Amino acid sequence: MPIGHFLDNAEISKDASGAILVTDSKEIPISIDDLYHSYFLFARDGKPLKEDGPVHLYYQDGSNKDNPIKHITAIKIK
């Protein structure tokens, strides 16, 4: 699911400089542009991602197709 729709609904500030992906073990900085051009994966085969979820992030360009950012529990906008 494209993340841009979520960000548009959240009405983030035009002055936002970036975001932090919060996982179960670390915080990962990401630009707003990269975030807008990414996808969330919530489920596989119709089932929630329980082992390494609740959410995975994939870049639109496919550069992390084999190694998505996993265990995302929150996004903080800076």
Protein backbone atom coordinates (compact mmCIF):
# COMPACT_ATOMS: atom_id res chain seq x y z
CA MET A 1 0.00 0.00 0.00
CA PRO A 2 1.51 3.37 -0.98
CA ILE A 3 2.46 5.42 2.09
CA GLY A 4 1.73 8.75 0.41
CA HIS A 5 -2.01 8.29 0.99
CA PHE A 6 -1.43 7.95 4.75
CA LEU A 7 0.79 11.02 4.82
CA ASP A 8 -1.73 13.08 2.86
CA ASN A 9 -4.47 12.12 5.33
CA ALA A 10 -2.20 12.95 8.26
CA GLU A 11 -1.70 16.45 6.83
CA ILE A 12 1.97 16.62 7.81
CA SER A 13 3.57 20.03 7.93
CA LYS A 14 5.04 21.40 4.70
CA ASP A 15 8.09 22.25 6.82
CA ALA A 16 8.73 18.62 7.80
CA SER A 17 12.36 17.79 7.11
CA GLY A 18 12.27 14.03 7.56
CA ALA A 19 10.93 11.16 9.53
CA ILE A 20 12.06 8.45 11.91
CA LEU A 21 10.90 4.85 11.44
CA VAL A 22 10.58 3.34 14.90
CA THR A 23 11.25 -0.40 15.05
CA ASP A 24 11.49 -2.80 17.95
CA SER A 25 15.26 -2.33 18.14
CA LYS A 26 16.22 1.02 16.58
CA GLU A 27 15.12 4.27 14.98
CA ILE A 28 15.85 4.73 11.27
CA PRO A 29 15.94 8.21 9.70
CA ILE A 30 14.30 8.64 6.28
CA SER A 31 13.61 11.67 4.11
CA ILE A 32 10.02 12.79 3.59
CA ASP A 33 10.47 12.24 -0.15
CA ASP A 34 11.68 8.65 0.35
CA LEU A 35 8.82 8.04 2.76
CA TYR A 36 6.25 9.39 0.28
CA HIS A 37 7.69 7.09 -2.38
CA SER A 38 7.54 3.90 -0.35
CA TYR A 39 5.08 1.12 0.35
CA PHE A 40 3.78 -0.51 3.52
CA LEU A 41 3.27 -4.24 3.74
CA PHE A 42 0.78 -5.19 6.49
CA ALA A 43 -0.06 -8.76 5.56
CA ARG A 44 1.13 -11.71 3.49
CA ASP A 45 -1.30 -14.25 2.06
CA GLY A 46 -4.10 -12.40 3.84
CA LYS A 47 -2.50 -12.80 7.27
CA PRO A 48 -0.94 -10.08 9.45
CA LEU A 49 2.85 -9.95 9.71
CA LYS A 50 3.19 -11.33 13.23
CA GLU A 51 6.82 -12.52 13.38
CA ASP A 52 8.53 -9.47 11.88
CA GLY A 53 5.70 -6.93 11.61
CA PRO A 54 3.45 -5.26 12.24
CA VAL A 55 4.63 -3.32 9.16
CA HIS A 56 7.40 -3.59 6.55
CA LEU A 57 8.57 -0.68 4.40
CA TYR A 58 9.66 -1.10 0.78
CA TYR A 59 11.17 1.68 -1.34
CA GLN A 60 9.27 2.37 -4.55
CA ASP A 61 12.43 1.88 -6.62
CA GLY A 62 12.75 -1.71 -5.34
CA SER A 63 16.23 -1.15 -3.93
CA ASN A 64 15.35 -2.93 -0.67
CA LYS A 65 13.07 -5.57 -2.21
CA ASP A 66 15.06 -8.40 -0.63
CA ASN A 67 15.73 -6.55 2.63
CA PRO A 68 12.76 -4.36 3.64
CA ILE A 69 12.71 -2.37 6.85
CA LYS A 70 10.79 -4.60 9.25
CA HIS A 71 9.26 -4.42 12.74
CA ILE A 72 8.03 -0.83 12.18
CA THR A 73 5.76 0.20 15.03
CA ALA A 74 5.59 3.99 14.51
CA ILE A 75 6.67 6.88 12.32
CA LYS A 76 7.79 10.19 13.84
CA ILE A 77 7.74 13.21 11.53
CA LYS A 78 10.50 15.78 12.19
